[in-house]
Every structure is written in structure tokens, then in C-alpha cells.
Amino acid sequence: MTILPATYLGSVAYFARLLRDDCVIDLGEHFVKRSGRNRARILTANGTMDLTVQVAHADRPRTPMRAVRLDYSKRWQHQHWMSLVSGYRGSPYFDHYRDRLEPFYRRRFDFLADYDLELTRLLLEAFGGAMPRISESYVEASAGDLDLRPKNSEDPAFVAEPYVQVFSDRLPFAPNLSAADLLFAEGPGAAALLRRSLR
């Protein structure tokens, strides 16, 4: 079994694992600041850019992921959507998925976990996958389990397979961005590339 954290617009490696393995998303773990739980990396005309979801009281130690609330005192949803539009409107499939994604940048969610899970469900459906099991309590890793929860942990089996990104005429290939980057570039062909990315 592979144990994963909840993530915001998860990476290519994250979705490759979700499509291939028996996975569980752990909502019982503690929130880790400066991690994929509330950050995603996208591509812009100036290179990679991190999008950070604002959360309330992120400085409190040992807050369970399930209890982390979103903070709307700053206009992060608007900024994220404008960054996605600016970065990807020239990609082949952005217009195809735009109407499904845009509501996530208008609707308010109370909890980060709910926001992350609904975005994950949307992307998995686009890739032809189904949601994995969700655990509300902390999942203890057993022998043979692959635990990808620690901060900045990398999947040892992931090998980034290049694809044509939106700014490939002026920027080198940027591996393991948000899976949204892959979806906007490859559309229905993204799932096959995801499945080939784990060795």
C-alpha cells in the first residue's frame, strides 16, 4: 500500500502513484508547512511558480490535516486562477478543462482537506481514475508500505517523462509540476504518460 498526504493540485508523481497503486490518503497526519498539502508548482512564461493556499493558524504545531481551515483574508483564489489562466490559456487542452476547474477558484471551502480532495477527485476523473481510500485517522506504515507523507519526500520509482509544455519554445522541460500542467498539455493522453512514469 502507498500512503499519501492530501495535496493541492498534486504533482505528476502523485497522480502517477494514484493511478497505479493501492493508495490511501491520510487526513490524520499533522499539517506540514511549506509542503504540497497547500502548495502546487505550475509553469509560467517566467519559469516555475509556486501557488500557496492560505490557511488559518498554520503556525500552530501538530494540527491534524483534517482540522486545517482555509483563510480568505487574502485573495489567493483569484490570484491562483489568474496565474493558471495566464500560464495555460495557450496550452492545447486548457479550454477543454477550464469550466471544470474554475469553480474551485470561486467557491469557498471551510477546510483545506476538503478543498484538496475535491480537486484531486476532479483531476483523477480527467485521468480516468477513481478516488483512493481516505483515512480520517493517522495511518501507521507497515513493512512493505511506501510512505510518501514526509515533507518533500520523493517517490523513488518516479521518472519524469518529458512532454511538450506550454512554454517549451523558450524554457527547458520542468519535471514533476502540478498534474494540471500535464493535463492542459496532453489532455486524454495524460493518463498513459502517468502510467509510464513509475519504474
C-alpha atoms as a PDB file:
ATOM      1  CA  MET A   1       0.000   0.000   0.000  1.00  0.00           C
ATOM      2  CA  THR A   2       1.112   3.569  -0.693  1.00  0.00           C
ATOM      3  CA  ILE A   3       0.338   6.203   1.944  1.00  0.00           C
ATOM      4  CA  LEU A   4      -0.086   9.706   0.565  1.00  0.00           C
ATOM      5  CA  PRO A   5      -0.845  13.107   2.063  1.00  0.00           C
ATOM      6  CA  ALA A   6      -3.678  15.235   0.741  1.00  0.00           C
ATOM      7  CA  THR A   7      -2.231  17.718  -1.757  1.00  0.00           C
ATOM      8  CA  TYR A   8      -3.256  20.877  -3.560  1.00  0.00           C
ATOM      9  CA  LEU A   9      -3.202  20.277  -7.346  1.00  0.00           C
ATOM     10  CA  GLY A  10      -0.878  17.336  -6.758  1.00  0.00           C
ATOM     11  CA  SER A  11       2.243  16.661  -8.778  1.00  0.00           C
ATOM     12  CA  VAL A  12       2.678  14.362 -11.760  1.00  0.00           C
ATOM     13  CA  ALA A  13       4.406  11.815  -9.473  1.00  0.00           C
ATOM     14  CA  TYR A  14       1.481  11.965  -7.021  1.00  0.00           C
ATOM     15  CA  PHE A  15      -1.099  11.186  -9.700  1.00  0.00           C
ATOM     16  CA  ALA A  16       1.093   8.518 -11.288  1.00  0.00           C
ATOM     17  CA  ARG A  17       1.024   6.737  -7.931  1.00  0.00           C
ATOM     18  CA  LEU A  18      -2.757   7.209  -7.533  1.00  0.00           C
ATOM     19  CA  LEU A  19      -3.423   5.644 -10.942  1.00  0.00           C
ATOM     20  CA  ARG A  20      -1.138   2.697 -10.391  1.00  0.00           C
ATOM     21  CA  ASP A  21      -1.202   1.576  -6.775  1.00  0.00           C
ATOM     22  CA  ASP A  22      -3.444   0.672  -3.899  1.00  0.00           C
ATOM     23  CA  CYS A  23      -3.287   4.028  -2.117  1.00  0.00           C
ATOM     24  CA  VAL A  24      -4.701   5.687   0.958  1.00  0.00           C
ATOM     25  CA  ILE A  25      -4.797   9.450   1.540  1.00  0.00           C
ATOM     26  CA  ASP A  26      -4.093  10.192   5.201  1.00  0.00           C
ATOM     27  CA  LEU A  27      -6.082  13.064   6.730  1.00  0.00           C
ATOM     28  CA  GLY A  28      -4.998  12.106  10.249  1.00  0.00           C
ATOM     29  CA  GLU A  29      -1.413  13.260   9.829  1.00  0.00           C
ATOM     30  CA  HIS A  30      -0.245  16.642  11.098  1.00  0.00           C
ATOM     31  CA  PHE A  31      -0.245  19.582   8.701  1.00  0.00           C
ATOM     32  CA  VAL A  32       3.256  20.243   7.344  1.00  0.00           C
ATOM     33  CA  LYS A  33       4.020  23.827   6.380  1.00  0.00           C
ATOM     34  CA  ARG A  34       5.724  24.566   3.045  1.00  0.00           C
ATOM     35  CA  SER A  35       4.642  21.248   1.555  1.00  0.00           C
ATOM     36  CA  GLY A  36       2.373  20.032  -1.208  1.00  0.00           C
ATOM     37  CA  ARG A  37      -0.530  19.962   1.212  1.00  0.00           C
ATOM     38  CA  ASN A  38      -1.199  23.602   0.373  1.00  0.00           C
ATOM     39  CA  ARG A  39       1.283  24.305  -2.447  1.00  0.00           C
ATOM     40  CA  ALA A  40       1.433  23.497  -6.130  1.00  0.00           C
ATOM     41  CA  ARG A  41       4.080  24.278  -8.719  1.00  0.00           C
ATOM     42  CA  ILE A  42       2.980  25.452 -12.151  1.00  0.00           C
ATOM     43  CA  LEU A  43       4.734  26.826 -15.240  1.00  0.00           C
ATOM     44  CA  THR A  44       4.546  30.461 -16.328  1.00  0.00           C
ATOM     45  CA  ALA A  45       6.279  32.474 -19.034  1.00  0.00           C
ATOM     46  CA  ASN A  46       8.952  33.326 -16.433  1.00  0.00           C
ATOM     47  CA  GLY A  47       9.563  29.755 -15.287  1.00  0.00           C
ATOM     48  CA  THR A  48       8.094  27.709 -12.441  1.00  0.00           C
ATOM     49  CA  MET A  49       5.872  29.358  -9.859  1.00  0.00           C
ATOM     50  CA  ASP A  50       4.540  28.135  -6.531  1.00  0.00           C
ATOM     51  CA  LEU A  51       0.876  28.681  -5.710  1.00  0.00           C
ATOM     52  CA  THR A  52       0.200  28.668  -1.968  1.00  0.00           C
ATOM     53  CA  VAL A  53      -3.251  28.189  -0.477  1.00  0.00           C
ATOM     54  CA  GLN A  54      -3.641  30.443   2.556  1.00  0.00           C
ATOM     55  CA  VAL A  55      -4.521  28.599   5.742  1.00  0.00           C
ATOM     56  CA  ALA A  56      -5.545  29.911   9.156  1.00  0.00           C
ATOM     57  CA  HIS A  57      -3.260  29.380  12.142  1.00  0.00           C
ATOM     58  CA  ALA A  58      -0.663  27.414  10.168  1.00  0.00           C
ATOM     59  CA  ASP A  59       1.885  28.208  12.873  1.00  0.00           C
ATOM     60  CA  ARG A  60       0.149  26.011  15.436  1.00  0.00           C
ATOM     61  CA  PRO A  61       2.161  22.814  15.890  1.00  0.00           C
ATOM     62  CA  ARG A  62       0.674  19.385  15.472  1.00  0.00           C
ATOM     63  CA  THR A  63      -2.572  20.495  13.835  1.00  0.00           C
ATOM     64  CA  PRO A  64      -4.234  17.487  12.199  1.00  0.00           C
ATOM     65  CA  MET A  65      -4.571  17.917   8.459  1.00  0.00           C
ATOM     66  CA  ARG A  66      -8.325  17.382   8.794  1.00  0.00           C
ATOM     67  CA  ALA A  67      -8.618  20.447  11.073  1.00  0.00           C
ATOM     68  CA  VAL A  68      -6.719  22.990   8.937  1.00  0.00           C
ATOM     69  CA  ARG A  69      -9.045  25.817   7.918  1.00  0.00           C
ATOM     70  CA  LEU A  70      -8.711  27.977   4.833  1.00  0.00           C
ATOM     71  CA  ASP A  71      -8.030  31.693   5.221  1.00  0.00           C
ATOM     72  CA  TYR A  72      -9.795  34.032   2.802  1.00  0.00           C
ATOM     73  CA  SER A  73      -8.416  37.313   4.215  1.00  0.00           C
ATOM     74  CA  LYS A  74      -6.193  37.486   1.109  1.00  0.00           C
ATOM     75  CA  ARG A  75      -7.429  36.959  -2.454  1.00  0.00           C
ATOM     76  CA  TRP A  76      -5.404  33.809  -3.082  1.00  0.00           C
ATOM     77  CA  GLN A  77      -8.166  32.100  -5.097  1.00  0.00           C
ATOM     78  CA  HIS A  78      -8.322  34.992  -7.546  1.00  0.00           C
ATOM     79  CA  GLN A  79      -4.521  35.140  -7.778  1.00  0.00           C
ATOM     80  CA  HIS A  80      -4.235  31.386  -8.366  1.00  0.00           C
ATOM     81  CA  TRP A  81      -6.893  31.398 -11.079  1.00  0.00           C
ATOM     82  CA  MET A  82      -5.322  34.385 -12.850  1.00  0.00           C
ATOM     83  CA  SER A  83      -1.923  32.609 -12.713  1.00  0.00           C
ATOM     84  CA  LEU A  84      -3.427  29.433 -14.190  1.00  0.00           C
ATOM     85  CA  VAL A  85      -5.193  31.358 -16.959  1.00  0.00           C
ATOM     86  CA  SER A  86      -2.100  33.416 -17.745  1.00  0.00           C
ATOM     87  CA  GLY A  87       0.167  30.377 -17.753  1.00  0.00           C
ATOM     88  CA  TYR A  88      -2.028  27.866 -19.562  1.00  0.00           C
ATOM     89  CA  ARG A  89      -4.529  29.631 -21.827  1.00  0.00           C
ATOM     90  CA  GLY A  90      -2.202  28.883 -24.754  1.00  0.00           C
ATOM     91  CA  SER A  91      -1.969  25.167 -23.949  1.00  0.00           C
ATOM     92  CA  PRO A  92      -3.859  22.683 -26.163  1.00  0.00           C
ATOM     93  CA  TYR A  93      -6.400  21.489 -23.563  1.00  0.00           C
ATOM     94  CA  PHE A  94      -6.862  24.399 -21.145  1.00  0.00           C
ATOM     95  CA  ASP A  95     -10.184  25.457 -22.678  1.00  0.00           C
ATOM     96  CA  HIS A  96     -11.433  21.861 -22.503  1.00  0.00           C
ATOM     97  CA  TYR A  97     -10.926  21.640 -18.701  1.00  0.00           C
ATOM     98  CA  ARG A  98     -11.347  25.312 -17.775  1.00  0.00           C
ATOM     99  CA  ASP A  99     -15.057  25.145 -16.904  1.00  0.00           C
ATOM    100  CA  ARG A 100     -14.497  22.207 -14.558  1.00  0.00           C
ATOM    101  CA  LEU A 101     -11.601  23.851 -12.728  1.00  0.00           C
ATOM    102  CA  GLU A 102     -12.733  27.466 -12.451  1.00  0.00           C
ATOM    103  CA  PRO A 103     -15.462  26.870  -9.813  1.00  0.00           C
ATOM    104  CA  PHE A 104     -12.740  25.836  -7.342  1.00  0.00           C
ATOM    105  CA  TYR A 105     -11.453  29.401  -7.500  1.00  0.00           C
ATOM    106  CA  ARG A 106     -14.862  30.960  -6.809  1.00  0.00           C
ATOM    107  CA  ARG A 107     -16.414  28.622  -4.245  1.00  0.00           C
ATOM    108  CA  ARG A 108     -15.351  28.778  -0.617  1.00  0.00           C
ATOM    109  CA  PHE A 109     -14.412  25.662   1.298  1.00  0.00           C
ATOM    110  CA  ASP A 110     -14.013  25.645   5.078  1.00  0.00           C
ATOM    111  CA  PHE A 111     -11.222  23.084   5.298  1.00  0.00           C
ATOM    112  CA  LEU A 112      -8.022  22.564   3.306  1.00  0.00           C
ATOM    113  CA  ALA A 113      -8.536  18.783   3.256  1.00  0.00           C
ATOM    114  CA  ASP A 114     -11.951  19.134   1.587  1.00  0.00           C
ATOM    115  CA  TYR A 115     -10.541  21.534  -0.988  1.00  0.00           C
ATOM    116  CA  ASP A 116      -7.569  19.279  -1.747  1.00  0.00           C
ATOM    117  CA  LEU A 117      -9.708  16.140  -2.010  1.00  0.00           C
ATOM    118  CA  GLU A 118     -12.262  17.682  -4.352  1.00  0.00           C
ATOM    119  CA  LEU A 119      -9.512  18.960  -6.665  1.00  0.00           C
ATOM    120  CA  THR A 120      -7.866  15.527  -6.541  1.00  0.00           C
ATOM    121  CA  ARG A 121     -11.200  13.896  -7.453  1.00  0.00           C
ATOM    122  CA  LEU A 122     -11.598  16.277 -10.413  1.00  0.00           C
ATOM    123  CA  LEU A 123      -8.109  15.556 -11.757  1.00  0.00           C
ATOM    124  CA  LEU A 124      -8.454  11.803 -11.215  1.00  0.00           C
ATOM    125  CA  GLU A 125     -11.710  11.794 -13.174  1.00  0.00           C
ATOM    126  CA  ALA A 126      -9.956  13.644 -16.011  1.00  0.00           C
ATOM    127  CA  PHE A 127      -7.220  10.978 -15.943  1.00  0.00           C
ATOM    128  CA  GLY A 128      -9.779   8.157 -15.895  1.00  0.00           C
ATOM    129  CA  GLY A 129      -9.025   7.124 -12.316  1.00  0.00           C
ATOM    130  CA  ALA A 130     -11.078   6.723  -9.152  1.00  0.00           C
ATOM    131  CA  MET A 131     -10.552   8.184  -5.699  1.00  0.00           C
ATOM    132  CA  PRO A 132      -8.499   6.046  -3.328  1.00  0.00           C
ATOM    133  CA  ARG A 133      -9.427   5.267   0.249  1.00  0.00           C
ATOM    134  CA  ILE A 134      -9.406   8.218   2.650  1.00  0.00           C
ATOM    135  CA  SER A 135      -8.349   7.736   6.263  1.00  0.00           C
ATOM    136  CA  GLU A 136      -9.601  10.194   8.897  1.00  0.00           C
ATOM    137  CA  SER A 137      -7.155   8.797  11.461  1.00  0.00           C
ATOM    138  CA  TYR A 138      -3.382   8.544  11.207  1.00  0.00           C
ATOM    139  CA  VAL A 139      -2.212   5.583   9.119  1.00  0.00           C
ATOM    140  CA  GLU A 140       0.664   3.627  10.606  1.00  0.00           C
ATOM    141  CA  ALA A 141       3.028   2.416   7.892  1.00  0.00           C
ATOM    142  CA  SER A 142       3.674  -1.315   7.918  1.00  0.00           C
ATOM    143  CA  ALA A 143       6.581  -3.247   6.451  1.00  0.00           C
ATOM    144  CA  GLY A 144       6.251  -3.133   2.691  1.00  0.00           C
ATOM    145  CA  ASP A 145       4.225   0.090   2.639  1.00  0.00           C
ATOM    146  CA  LEU A 146       5.522   3.095   0.705  1.00  0.00           C
ATOM    147  CA  ASP A 147       5.071   6.169   2.909  1.00  0.00           C
ATOM    148  CA  LEU A 148       5.169   9.379   0.856  1.00  0.00           C
ATOM    149  CA  ARG A 149       3.905  11.668   3.635  1.00  0.00           C
ATOM    150  CA  PRO A 150       7.130  13.153   4.981  1.00  0.00           C
ATOM    151  CA  LYS A 151       7.831  16.711   3.871  1.00  0.00           C
ATOM    152  CA  ASN A 152       9.446  16.863   0.451  1.00  0.00           C
ATOM    153  CA  SER A 153       9.619  13.085   0.154  1.00  0.00           C
ATOM    154  CA  GLU A 154      10.195  11.918  -3.384  1.00  0.00           C
ATOM    155  CA  ASP A 155       8.845   8.795  -4.981  1.00  0.00           C
ATOM    156  CA  PRO A 156      11.891   6.593  -5.691  1.00  0.00           C
ATOM    157  CA  ALA A 157      10.192   4.927  -8.660  1.00  0.00           C
ATOM    158  CA  PHE A 158       9.152   8.137 -10.414  1.00  0.00           C
ATOM    159  CA  VAL A 159      10.939   9.026 -13.651  1.00  0.00           C
ATOM    160  CA  ALA A 160       9.735  12.213 -15.338  1.00  0.00           C
ATOM    161  CA  GLU A 161       8.816  11.530 -18.927  1.00  0.00           C
ATOM    162  CA  PRO A 162       9.096  14.744 -20.975  1.00  0.00           C
ATOM    163  CA  TYR A 163       6.079  16.136 -22.777  1.00  0.00           C
ATOM    164  CA  VAL A 164       5.580  19.382 -24.690  1.00  0.00           C
ATOM    165  CA  GLN A 165       4.886  22.066 -22.114  1.00  0.00           C
ATOM    166  CA  VAL A 166       3.211  25.368 -22.876  1.00  0.00           C
ATOM    167  CA  PHE A 167       6.451  27.419 -22.958  1.00  0.00           C
ATOM    168  CA  SER A 168       8.695  24.722 -24.459  1.00  0.00           C
ATOM    169  CA  ASP A 169       9.795  27.131 -27.200  1.00  0.00           C
ATOM    170  CA  ARG A 170      11.681  29.235 -24.621  1.00  0.00           C
ATOM    171  CA  LEU A 171      12.011  27.211 -21.414  1.00  0.00           C
ATOM    172  CA  PRO A 172      13.578  23.812 -20.698  1.00  0.00           C
ATOM    173  CA  PHE A 173      11.318  20.966 -19.612  1.00  0.00           C
ATOM    174  CA  ALA A 174      10.277  21.347 -15.955  1.00  0.00           C
ATOM    175  CA  PRO A 175       9.662  17.893 -14.439  1.00  0.00           C
ATOM    176  CA  ASN A 176       7.051  16.972 -11.838  1.00  0.00           C
ATOM    177  CA  LEU A 177       4.933  20.106 -11.850  1.00  0.00           C
ATOM    178  CA  SER A 178       1.282  20.025 -10.846  1.00  0.00           C
ATOM    179  CA  ALA A 179      -0.552  17.342 -12.787  1.00  0.00           C
ATOM    180  CA  ALA A 180      -2.725  20.177 -14.121  1.00  0.00           C
ATOM    181  CA  ASP A 181       0.281  21.166 -16.275  1.00  0.00           C
ATOM    182  CA  LEU A 182       0.308  17.689 -17.819  1.00  0.00           C
ATOM    183  CA  LEU A 183      -3.480  17.648 -18.242  1.00  0.00           C
ATOM    184  CA  PHE A 184      -3.520  21.001 -20.058  1.00  0.00           C
ATOM    185  CA  ALA A 185      -0.691  19.854 -22.332  1.00  0.00           C
ATOM    186  CA  GLU A 186      -1.734  16.273 -23.099  1.00  0.00           C
ATOM    187  CA  GLY A 187      -5.466  16.086 -22.396  1.00  0.00           C
ATOM    188  CA  PRO A 188      -6.752  12.500 -22.813  1.00  0.00           C
ATOM    189  CA  GLY A 189      -3.201  11.262 -23.470  1.00  0.00           C
ATOM    190  CA  ALA A 190      -2.051  12.328 -19.983  1.00  0.00           C
ATOM    191  CA  ALA A 191      -3.140   9.118 -18.259  1.00  0.00           C
ATOM    192  CA  ALA A 192      -0.882   6.934 -20.430  1.00  0.00           C
ATOM    193  CA  LEU A 193       2.088   9.162 -19.669  1.00  0.00           C
ATOM    194  CA  LEU A 194       1.303   8.988 -15.938  1.00  0.00           C
ATOM    195  CA  ARG A 195       1.260   5.191 -16.050  1.00  0.00           C
ATOM    196  CA  ARG A 196       4.644   5.130 -17.801  1.00  0.00           C
ATOM    197  CA  SER A 197       6.218   7.441 -15.196  1.00  0.00           C
ATOM    198  CA  LEU A 198       6.723   4.830 -12.480  1.00  0.00           C
ATOM    199  CA  ARG A 199       9.502   2.296 -12.991  1.00  0.00           C
END
